[in-house]
Every structure is written in structure tokens, then in C-alpha cells.
């Protein structure tokens, strides 16, 4: 029987779809901005974690120099950080707003308002036409749902993604129905064939898979250099490319103005000629992280990362497990399997909330992250799940926690307990497959 909290959560999301789309767009946007600003002002655990992540962007930018400037002016890092985090929370709120209003935005408006480097989209379709699968790996940026709908209408037809089955089931089902309506094949992390095996099958059939991949949701992540520090990224995208011969192409999404969108499909990350599978996966995952860093630096206001991401912020025990387990499917060492990417309750960017807020004081200098879906060692035997329409590619999406200030996975970066866990709030996370 559903708890009161689960019933309230289900009712809230039901209201989102049934009521928000009926309001005038200007009114709905004002309401979501108000909600985002309220969460930002409260500076709860999620916002503090976000600011810790954003601070890394500031402090690794050679052009950024806080303090007294040559012309005598003064750049206050704290104020700039707070201003940027407010932009991010509003961007995060916009993601939810547009998700709820997708049915009234319309495909024609999306087609006209989406700015994409179509040459790379054409290359994607050419690969698929010739029977080669494509993996889109995305950070938690912008609106993946819009971009996912765009690439499907542009010619992909459909793609596959992965969703974490979260409670309450009614909310999960709403997200499932929503994403399937956009032409996505959604693979639950539990209750069916293992997602990694199904995705490998789709890729061998020349399909598209979209994975949110800027945080690891397991103990098998790859340690990468990211904004001047070590972070854990999922090995799944690289492992799938190595195993199936699919093209691994990073993608970033962002918002343009108040009613348009941007996306960039980056060049394919090649599989190294030499090395073990584990070594190849590590090299490719680092290349992916480098592309993500470039994209985030260009559009920091649209990076919705309210979770622990950096090694310095992770639970030491979990970090130790990650460092002792093997990475990469079929590398011959250990029994671990690579993660596919970030998972979510049937939305593109799963951002489960949790954790105690940081102790207090100034915005934390550290960030947070979570884990990703693991892949089986024998994907070739996995059976395909019942596809909503024709199965296309899959990607582990994640559900973002609503911008209410709850700290997703959020232990305080500045020394607060990184093991603290809290309630999970299923919701769409920006990061669907094409998003992101």
C-alpha cells in the first residue's frame, strides 16, 4: 500500500501534467521561476552541493580572477557563485516546466527552435542506415526530452534509454508513458532483462542509445580528471562501444533564450588500438569527460548537477570498492561489470535526492555524485524487453529531483557526512538521451 508521501508525490506529478499545460505559458514560467528562486534562497543541501560543483568551474578557468581587478574594480567570487547557482536552479525549473508542457509545446515549435549541428546528426543517421549503432553520451545539461524528440523526428525514429524503477510506482509509470510517447524504448534497471545486454543487441542492430554519463551510479566507475580533480564516470558507454563497434558520440544540450534550445553532437571517440578492454574503456571515458568539461564550461548555467561527483566528496568505503573492482565488460579480471550511465525513473536525468545538508557557512568547495547502472558480463544472451513501439536505442536516463532544494545524494562537500542518505524523489532529470 502506498504511503502518504508516495500518494502526495504521485498527485503532484499528476497535477504537473494535467494543470501546468493549461496555464498561460507566461504564468507557468513565473511560477516555476518562483519555485526555483525559493529553493535557491533556502540554500538547502542540494543547492550547496551544486555550488560546490560550480566552484570547480570558476577555479579552473584561467580567465577567471576574483578579487581586485587591474581597473580597480572588485570581483566577488561568492556573489558570482550565488548568481550562477540561481541561474542553474531556474534552468532546472525550466526543464520541469517544459517536460510538463511538452504536449502543448508541439513538435513544430521544437523543430524550429532547436539549434543543432546537423552535419553530425546526418552522420549519426548514416551510421544507423549502414547498420552501425550509435551511443549518445550526455551530461546533465539542458532539456534532453526536447532534444530526444528532435533527433527522433529528424530521422532516428526512436532510441533506447534506461530508467531506474523508483517509488512510487504511479510516478514511475507516468514517466514511462511520457517517454515512450516521445519514441523512447525505456529499459527499467530491475524487473526485466539486464539493460546492458539489451543495449548491446540494439547497437548491433544499428540503433541509437542515449546515456546520461557524467556521474557513476555503481562501484565500477572510471576515475577521470574533471575540472582539475578526480571524478568517477560510468564505464558503460565506452564498454558498449568497445564490445559492439558502435560509435560513441558525446552530446551536450542547453537552453537558448526563453523559448529555444541548443545541442551539439561531438565527434566520435575512437576505440584505442592498443590495451586491454579496461585500459581502452579508461582512455575513452577520460576523452568523454574532457568533452563534457568543455560543454559545461560553455554553458555552466545549464549543468544541473546537484549530486556528489568528485572523488574528494565520495564515501571513502564506496571509493575503495570502486578502485578494487574491475572496469569494462569482459576484460578478464574480476566479476564486475561496467555501468551504462546515469539511471532515472523513466526520465532523462535521474537525480535522486538524499543526504544531510552541509554543516554551514559559505558555499562548499566540493561537489557530489551518484552511481550508474551496471552491465552484465554476457550481454549477448540478454533478451529484449517488450518494446513500447519498435525498439530503438537505449540509454540510462535519470530523474532529477525537483528544484526544491533537496540534496540529491547530497553529503556536504565541506566535511559533512558523505554517507548520509535521504529520501529519493523521482522526477525527470535533464539528461535524457539526446539529451540529456
Protein backbone atom coordinates (compact mmCIF):
# COMPACT_ATOMS: atom_id res chain seq x y z
CA UNK A 1 0.00 0.00 0.00
CA UNK A 2 1.34 3.42 -0.95
CA UNK A 3 2.44 5.70 1.86
CA UNK A 4 1.04 9.20 2.30
CA UNK A 5 4.25 10.65 0.93
CA UNK A 6 4.06 8.45 -2.15
CA UNK A 7 0.44 9.39 -2.73
CA UNK A 8 1.27 13.09 -2.43
CA UNK A 9 4.21 12.69 -4.82
CA UNK A 10 2.01 10.92 -7.35
CA UNK A 11 -0.65 13.60 -7.04
CA UNK A 12 1.92 16.36 -7.51
CA UNK A 13 3.26 14.88 -10.72
CA UNK A 14 -0.25 14.20 -11.95
CA UNK A 15 -1.06 17.85 -11.36
CA UNK A 16 2.07 18.81 -13.23
CA UNK A 17 0.89 17.12 -16.39
CA UNK A 18 -2.78 17.99 -16.10
CA UNK A 19 -2.64 21.56 -14.81
CA UNK A 20 0.63 23.20 -15.85
CA UNK A 21 -0.11 22.73 -19.53
CA UNK A 22 -3.42 24.52 -19.10
CA UNK A 23 -1.91 27.68 -17.68
CA UNK A 24 -0.72 30.50 -19.93
CA UNK A 25 2.96 29.91 -20.61
CA UNK A 26 3.99 33.22 -19.02
CA UNK A 27 2.13 32.34 -15.81
CA UNK A 28 3.55 28.83 -15.66
CA UNK A 29 7.08 30.10 -16.25
CA UNK A 30 6.70 32.69 -13.48
CA UNK A 31 5.51 30.00 -11.07
CA UNK A 32 8.43 27.71 -11.84
CA UNK A 33 10.92 30.57 -11.54
CA UNK A 34 9.39 31.41 -8.18
CA UNK A 35 9.80 27.82 -7.03
CA UNK A 36 13.39 27.73 -8.24
CA UNK A 37 14.20 31.03 -6.54
CA UNK A 38 12.63 29.82 -3.30
CA UNK A 39 14.78 26.70 -3.30
CA UNK A 40 17.85 28.76 -4.15
CA UNK A 41 17.26 31.22 -1.30
CA UNK A 42 16.83 28.41 1.21
CA UNK A 43 20.25 27.13 0.14
CA UNK A 44 19.50 23.59 1.17
CA UNK A 45 21.83 20.67 0.79
CA UNK A 46 21.22 20.25 -2.94
CA UNK A 47 21.95 23.89 -3.69
CA UNK A 48 25.09 23.85 -1.56
CA UNK A 49 26.30 20.75 -3.37
CA UNK A 50 25.53 22.44 -6.68
CA UNK A 51 27.58 25.47 -5.68
CA UNK A 52 30.44 23.22 -4.69
CA UNK A 53 30.39 21.73 -8.18
CA UNK A 54 30.15 25.12 -9.85
CA UNK A 55 33.04 26.44 -7.79
CA UNK A 56 35.29 23.95 -9.54
CA UNK A 57 34.39 25.61 -12.84
CA UNK A 58 35.40 29.02 -11.51
CA UNK A 59 38.66 27.87 -10.02
CA UNK A 60 39.87 26.02 -13.10
CA UNK A 61 39.11 28.84 -15.53
CA UNK A 62 42.39 30.57 -16.45
CA UNK A 63 40.47 33.70 -17.39
CA UNK A 64 38.72 33.95 -14.04
CA UNK A 65 40.44 36.02 -11.39
CA UNK A 66 38.41 37.08 -8.35
CA UNK A 67 39.40 39.95 -6.14
CA UNK A 68 40.74 43.36 -7.12
CA UNK A 69 40.96 43.80 -10.89
CA UNK A 70 43.54 45.88 -12.85
CA UNK A 71 40.96 48.64 -13.33
CA UNK A 72 40.35 48.85 -9.60
CA UNK A 73 37.02 47.02 -9.63
CA UNK A 74 36.37 44.03 -7.39
CA UNK A 75 35.11 40.59 -8.41
CA UNK A 76 33.38 38.85 -5.50
CA UNK A 77 33.62 35.09 -6.05
CA UNK A 78 30.91 34.35 -3.52
CA UNK A 79 28.40 36.68 -5.17
CA UNK A 80 29.20 35.37 -8.62
CA UNK A 81 28.83 31.81 -7.43
CA UNK A 82 25.45 32.56 -5.89
CA UNK A 83 24.30 34.33 -9.04
CA UNK A 84 25.31 31.36 -11.20
CA UNK A 85 23.64 28.83 -8.90
CA UNK A 86 20.42 30.84 -9.16
CA UNK A 87 20.62 30.62 -12.95
CA UNK A 88 21.13 26.87 -12.70
CA UNK A 89 18.13 26.41 -10.43
CA UNK A 90 15.97 28.40 -12.85
CA UNK A 91 17.31 26.32 -15.72
CA UNK A 92 16.49 23.21 -13.72
CA UNK A 93 12.98 24.51 -13.10
CA UNK A 94 12.58 25.22 -16.80
CA UNK A 95 13.40 21.62 -17.55
CA UNK A 96 10.46 20.52 -15.41
CA UNK A 97 8.21 23.19 -16.84
CA UNK A 98 8.87 22.11 -20.41
CA UNK A 99 8.51 18.46 -19.52
CA UNK A 100 5.05 19.05 -18.11
CA UNK A 101 4.12 21.27 -21.07
CA UNK A 102 5.60 19.06 -23.79
CA UNK A 103 2.15 18.18 -25.11
CA UNK A 104 1.33 21.82 -25.79
CA UNK A 105 4.75 22.99 -26.97
CA UNK A 106 4.36 20.99 -30.15
CA UNK A 107 6.83 19.29 -32.47
CA UNK A 108 6.80 22.14 -34.99
CA UNK A 109 7.97 24.63 -32.39
CA UNK A 110 10.67 22.26 -31.23
CA UNK A 111 11.84 21.68 -34.80
CA UNK A 112 12.03 25.43 -35.42
CA UNK A 113 13.62 26.29 -32.08
CA UNK A 114 16.25 23.53 -31.81
CA UNK A 115 19.74 24.62 -32.87
CA UNK A 116 21.88 21.56 -33.64
CA UNK A 117 24.98 20.91 -35.74
CA UNK A 118 23.01 18.93 -38.28
CA UNK A 119 26.11 17.61 -40.05
CA UNK A 120 26.78 15.38 -37.04
CA UNK A 121 23.12 14.41 -36.85
CA UNK A 122 23.32 13.41 -40.51
CA UNK A 123 26.42 11.34 -39.76
CA UNK A 124 24.51 9.61 -36.98
CA UNK A 125 21.73 8.67 -39.36
CA UNK A 126 24.25 7.49 -41.95
CA UNK A 127 25.87 5.18 -39.40
CA UNK A 128 22.47 3.78 -38.47
CA UNK A 129 21.46 3.33 -42.11
CA UNK A 130 24.61 1.30 -42.68
CA UNK A 131 23.90 -0.92 -39.68
CA UNK A 132 26.28 0.67 -37.18
CA UNK A 133 24.88 1.56 -33.78
CA UNK A 134 25.44 4.95 -32.17
CA UNK A 135 25.81 5.83 -28.48
CA UNK A 136 24.96 9.38 -27.44
CA UNK A 137 26.55 10.09 -24.03
CA UNK A 138 25.35 13.24 -22.29
CA UNK A 139 26.00 15.25 -19.15
CA UNK A 140 23.10 16.51 -17.03
CA UNK A 141 22.54 19.60 -19.14
CA UNK A 142 19.60 21.41 -20.70
CA UNK A 143 16.49 19.57 -21.82
CA UNK A 144 17.15 16.05 -23.04
CA UNK A 145 13.50 15.40 -23.68
CA UNK A 146 13.25 18.12 -26.31
CA UNK A 147 16.48 17.03 -27.95
CA UNK A 148 15.39 13.41 -27.85
CA UNK A 149 12.13 14.25 -29.58
CA UNK A 150 14.06 16.30 -32.12
CA UNK A 151 16.50 13.55 -33.11
CA UNK A 152 13.66 11.05 -33.40
CA UNK A 153 11.73 13.36 -35.72
CA UNK A 154 14.90 14.22 -37.62
CA UNK A 155 15.28 10.63 -38.69
CA UNK A 156 16.37 8.37 -35.84
CA UNK A 157 12.79 7.25 -35.30
CA UNK A 158 13.40 6.08 -31.76
CA UNK A 159 16.17 5.33 -29.30
CA UNK A 160 16.69 3.31 -26.16
CA UNK A 161 17.29 4.56 -22.67
CA UNK A 162 17.48 3.13 -19.14
CA UNK A 163 15.33 4.15 -16.19
CA UNK A 164 15.64 3.31 -12.53
CA UNK A 165 12.41 1.92 -11.11
CA UNK A 166 11.73 4.27 -8.23
CA UNK A 167 8.81 4.66 -5.86
CA UNK A 168 6.00 5.45 -6.04
CA UNK A 169 5.17 3.16 -8.93
CA UNK A 170 2.47 5.54 -10.17
CA UNK A 171 5.02 8.28 -10.78
CA UNK A 172 7.36 5.84 -12.49
CA UNK A 173 4.52 4.78 -14.76
CA UNK A 174 3.73 8.40 -15.65
CA UNK A 175 7.33 8.98 -16.67
CA UNK A 176 7.38 5.70 -18.55
CA UNK A 177 4.28 6.62 -20.53
CA UNK A 178 5.66 10.09 -21.19
CA UNK A 179 8.99 8.92 -22.55
CA UNK A 180 7.54 6.12 -24.58
CA UNK A 181 5.25 8.69 -26.15
CA UNK A 182 8.35 10.53 -27.36
CA UNK A 183 9.59 7.43 -29.17
CA UNK A 184 11.92 6.11 -26.50
CA UNK A 185 12.34 2.47 -25.58
CA UNK A 186 12.79 2.55 -21.82
CA UNK A 187 14.63 -0.28 -20.07
CA UNK A 188 13.97 -0.49 -16.31
CA UNK A 189 17.05 -1.32 -14.28
CA UNK A 190 15.04 -4.02 -12.47
CA UNK A 191 12.16 -6.28 -13.36
CA UNK A 192 13.34 -7.25 -16.83
CA UNK A 193 16.35 -8.28 -18.91
CA UNK A 194 19.62 -6.61 -17.93
CA UNK A 195 19.82 -3.25 -19.72
CA UNK A 196 23.45 -3.69 -20.84
CA UNK A 197 22.68 -6.84 -22.78
CA UNK A 198 19.62 -5.34 -24.43
CA UNK A 199 21.55 -2.21 -25.38
CA UNK A 200 24.30 -4.32 -26.92
CA UNK A 201 21.66 -6.06 -29.02
CA UNK A 202 20.18 -2.74 -30.15
CA UNK A 203 23.59 -1.39 -31.10
CA UNK A 204 24.43 -4.47 -33.13
CA UNK A 205 21.15 -3.87 -34.95
CA UNK A 206 22.25 -0.33 -35.87
CA UNK A 207 20.09 1.51 -33.34
CA UNK A 208 20.66 4.64 -31.24
CA UNK A 209 21.24 4.58 -27.50
CA UNK A 210 21.31 7.64 -25.25
CA UNK A 211 23.03 7.60 -21.85
CA UNK A 212 23.42 10.28 -19.21
CA UNK A 213 27.02 9.71 -18.23
CA UNK A 214 28.54 12.43 -16.06
CA UNK A 215 28.26 10.56 -12.79
CA UNK A 216 28.73 6.95 -11.80
CA UNK A 217 25.87 5.08 -10.14
CA UNK A 218 27.80 1.98 -9.13
CA UNK A 219 31.07 0.75 -7.71
CA UNK A 220 32.66 0.21 -11.12
CA UNK A 221 33.27 3.76 -12.28
CA UNK A 222 36.30 5.03 -14.12
CA UNK A 223 38.38 7.68 -12.38
CA UNK A 224 38.83 10.68 -14.67
CA UNK A 225 40.31 14.16 -14.48
CA UNK A 226 37.42 16.63 -14.40
CA UNK A 227 37.70 20.34 -13.63
CA UNK A 228 41.07 19.87 -12.01
CA UNK A 229 40.08 17.00 -9.74
CA UNK A 230 39.33 13.30 -9.88
CA UNK A 231 35.74 12.20 -10.51
CA UNK A 232 34.03 8.86 -11.13
CA UNK A 233 32.33 8.39 -14.50
CA UNK A 234 30.45 5.31 -15.72
CA UNK A 235 32.34 2.87 -17.93
CA UNK A 236 29.20 1.69 -19.73
CA UNK A 237 29.24 3.98 -22.79
CA UNK A 238 32.86 3.13 -23.61
CA UNK A 239 32.37 -0.57 -22.84
CA UNK A 240 29.36 -0.77 -25.16
CA UNK A 241 31.34 0.90 -27.95
CA UNK A 242 34.28 -1.47 -27.47
CA UNK A 243 32.09 -4.56 -27.39
CA UNK A 244 29.72 -3.72 -30.26
CA UNK A 245 31.72 -1.45 -32.56
CA UNK A 246 29.15 1.33 -32.11
CA UNK A 247 30.15 4.98 -32.44
CA UNK A 248 30.46 6.76 -29.08
CA UNK A 249 29.49 10.41 -29.65
CA UNK A 250 29.19 12.87 -26.73
CA UNK A 251 26.23 15.25 -26.86
CA UNK A 252 25.54 18.40 -24.85
CA UNK A 253 22.22 20.26 -24.53
CA UNK A 254 21.42 23.74 -23.28
CA UNK A 255 18.72 26.41 -23.37
CA UNK A 256 18.74 29.28 -25.86
CA UNK A 257 16.89 32.38 -24.69
CA UNK A 258 13.49 31.77 -23.14
CA UNK A 259 11.90 29.54 -25.76
CA UNK A 260 14.59 27.80 -27.82
CA UNK A 261 17.18 25.07 -27.33
CA UNK A 262 20.70 24.19 -28.34
CA UNK A 263 22.52 20.89 -28.74
CA UNK A 264 25.91 19.85 -30.03
CA UNK A 265 26.85 16.39 -31.21
CA UNK A 266 30.60 15.98 -30.84
CA UNK A 267 32.99 13.89 -32.89
CA UNK A 268 33.13 10.17 -32.26
CA UNK A 269 35.53 8.99 -29.56
CA UNK A 270 37.57 6.23 -31.23
CA UNK A 271 38.44 2.93 -29.60
CA UNK A 272 42.20 2.84 -28.88
CA UNK A 273 44.14 0.35 -30.98
CA UNK A 274 46.16 -0.99 -28.05
CA UNK A 275 45.47 -2.05 -24.49
CA UNK A 276 43.10 -4.28 -22.56
CA UNK A 277 39.38 -3.60 -22.56
CA UNK A 278 39.75 -1.97 -19.18
CA UNK A 279 42.53 0.29 -20.41
CA UNK A 280 40.63 1.19 -23.57
CA UNK A 281 37.49 1.99 -21.58
CA UNK A 282 39.51 4.23 -19.26
CA UNK A 283 41.01 6.19 -22.17
CA UNK A 284 37.64 6.63 -23.86
CA UNK A 285 35.89 7.65 -20.65
CA UNK A 286 38.54 10.29 -20.00
CA UNK A 287 38.03 11.63 -23.52
CA UNK A 288 34.30 11.79 -22.85
CA UNK A 289 34.87 13.65 -19.57
CA UNK A 290 37.09 16.17 -21.37
CA UNK A 291 34.31 16.88 -23.88
CA UNK A 292 31.77 17.23 -21.07
CA UNK A 293 34.05 19.70 -19.30
CA UNK A 294 34.25 21.81 -22.46
CA UNK A 295 30.48 21.79 -22.88
CA UNK A 296 29.79 22.62 -19.23
CA UNK A 297 32.30 25.46 -19.26
CA UNK A 298 30.49 26.93 -22.27
CA UNK A 299 27.05 26.63 -20.65
CA UNK A 300 27.53 26.37 -16.87
CA UNK A 301 24.07 27.76 -16.15
CA UNK A 302 22.51 24.63 -17.67
CA UNK A 303 24.52 21.98 -15.81
CA UNK A 304 22.01 20.53 -13.35
CA UNK A 305 24.42 18.63 -11.14
CA UNK A 306 23.15 18.66 -7.57
CA UNK A 307 24.87 15.40 -6.64
CA UNK A 308 28.29 14.44 -5.40
CA UNK A 309 30.56 13.95 -8.36
CA UNK A 310 34.16 14.36 -7.29
CA UNK A 311 36.30 11.76 -5.58
CA UNK A 312 37.07 14.11 -2.70
CA UNK A 313 33.36 14.18 -1.86
CA UNK A 314 32.56 10.49 -2.08
CA UNK A 315 32.09 7.95 0.67
CA UNK A 316 35.60 6.52 1.26
CA UNK A 317 34.26 2.97 1.52
CA UNK A 318 32.46 3.20 -1.79
CA UNK A 319 35.50 4.78 -3.38
CA UNK A 320 37.67 1.92 -2.13
CA UNK A 321 35.26 -0.61 -3.64
CA UNK A 322 35.34 1.20 -6.96
CA UNK A 323 39.13 1.20 -7.03
CA UNK A 324 39.36 -2.52 -6.31
CA UNK A 325 36.74 -3.70 -8.79
CA UNK A 326 37.47 -4.15 -12.46
CA UNK A 327 36.11 -1.85 -15.10
CA UNK A 328 34.99 -2.95 -18.53
CA UNK A 329 32.90 -5.87 -19.62
CA UNK A 330 34.85 -8.99 -20.45
CA UNK A 331 38.26 -7.68 -19.52
CA UNK A 332 39.18 -10.92 -17.87
CA UNK A 333 39.64 -9.53 -14.41
CA UNK A 334 37.07 -9.93 -11.70
CA UNK A 335 33.34 -10.34 -11.92
CA UNK A 336 32.31 -6.74 -12.02
CA UNK A 337 30.56 -5.26 -15.00
CA UNK A 338 30.64 -1.75 -16.41
CA UNK A 339 27.96 0.75 -15.65
CA UNK A 340 25.93 2.11 -18.51
CA UNK A 341 25.46 5.57 -17.16
CA UNK A 342 23.10 7.53 -15.01
CA UNK A 343 19.71 5.96 -14.44
CA UNK A 344 16.40 7.56 -13.73
CA UNK A 345 12.79 6.86 -13.17
CA UNK A 346 11.82 6.95 -16.75
CA UNK A 347 13.07 10.35 -17.42
CA UNK A 348 16.20 11.53 -18.89
CA UNK A 349 18.10 12.53 -15.92
CA UNK A 350 17.58 10.70 -12.75
CA UNK A 351 18.52 12.87 -9.87
CA UNK A 352 17.57 11.14 -6.69
CA UNK A 353 17.77 13.35 -3.69
CA UNK A 354 19.33 12.47 -0.39
CA UNK A 355 21.71 13.40 2.30
CA UNK A 356 22.18 15.84 5.11
CA UNK A 357 22.97 19.39 4.08
CA UNK A 358 26.49 20.68 4.58
CA UNK A 359 27.37 21.82 8.01
CA UNK A 360 27.04 25.55 7.43
CA UNK A 361 28.78 28.64 6.27
CA UNK A 362 29.96 29.57 2.85
CA UNK A 363 29.14 27.60 -0.27
CA UNK A 364 31.05 24.32 -0.19
CA UNK A 365 34.10 23.93 -2.33
CA UNK A 366 33.30 20.35 -3.15
CA UNK A 367 30.64 18.64 -5.19
CA UNK A 368 28.69 15.41 -5.21
CA UNK A 369 27.80 12.49 -7.38
CA UNK A 370 25.91 9.25 -7.51
CA UNK A 371 26.15 5.96 -9.33
CA UNK A 372 25.14 4.25 -12.56
CA UNK A 373 23.52 1.14 -13.91
CA UNK A 374 25.77 -1.89 -14.11
CA UNK A 375 26.10 -4.02 -17.19
CA UNK A 376 26.17 -7.80 -17.35
CA UNK A 377 29.12 -9.77 -18.48
CA UNK A 378 27.18 -11.65 -21.14
CA UNK A 379 25.03 -9.10 -22.96
CA UNK A 380 24.79 -11.31 -25.98
CA UNK A 381 22.30 -13.56 -24.25
CA UNK A 382 20.01 -10.86 -22.90
CA UNK A 383 16.54 -10.90 -24.32
CA UNK A 384 14.91 -7.72 -25.48
CA UNK A 385 12.08 -6.40 -23.35
CA UNK A 386 8.65 -5.74 -24.71
CA UNK A 387 9.21 -2.52 -26.59
CA UNK A 388 6.57 0.18 -26.44
CA UNK A 389 6.86 0.64 -30.15
CA UNK A 390 9.74 -0.51 -32.23
CA UNK A 391 12.77 -0.91 -30.07
CA UNK A 392 15.48 1.55 -30.81
CA UNK A 393 18.42 2.51 -28.77
CA UNK A 394 18.51 2.73 -25.02
CA UNK A 395 20.19 4.98 -22.60
CA UNK A 396 20.13 5.15 -18.87
CA UNK A 397 18.36 8.31 -18.03
CA UNK A 398 17.84 9.72 -14.65
CA UNK A 399 15.16 11.51 -12.82
CA UNK A 400 16.02 14.84 -11.45
CA UNK A 401 14.79 15.83 -8.08
CA UNK A 402 12.51 18.81 -8.35
CA UNK A 403 14.29 22.10 -7.73
CA UNK A 404 13.06 22.30 -4.17
CA UNK A 405 16.45 22.42 -2.58
CA UNK A 406 16.56 18.78 -1.60
CA UNK A 407 20.07 17.48 -1.81
CA UNK A 408 20.35 14.69 -4.29
CA UNK A 409 22.66 12.20 -2.83
CA UNK A 410 24.00 15.15 -1.07
CA UNK A 411 26.57 14.83 1.58
CA UNK A 412 28.21 18.07 2.41
CA UNK A 413 31.27 18.67 0.33
CA UNK A 414 32.99 20.52 3.10
CA UNK A 415 33.29 17.75 5.56
CA UNK A 416 29.65 16.89 6.19
CA UNK A 417 28.89 13.21 6.39
CA UNK A 418 29.20 11.78 2.87
CA UNK A 419 27.41 8.64 3.95
CA UNK A 420 24.20 10.40 4.83
CA UNK A 421 21.26 9.19 2.85
CA UNK A 422 17.84 10.69 2.48
CA UNK A 423 14.57 10.25 0.62
CA UNK A 424 14.53 9.80 -3.10
CA UNK A 425 12.28 11.95 -5.22
CA UNK A 426 11.65 10.56 -8.68
CA UNK A 427 11.39 13.19 -11.33
CA UNK A 428 12.78 13.96 -14.72
CA UNK A 429 16.38 14.70 -14.87
CA UNK A 430 17.74 16.75 -17.63
CA UNK A 431 19.71 14.40 -19.36
CA UNK A 432 17.70 12.23 -21.41
CA UNK A 433 19.35 10.58 -24.25
CA UNK A 434 19.88 13.25 -26.73
CA UNK A 435 19.63 14.63 -24.17
CA UNK A 436 20.39 14.90 -21.85
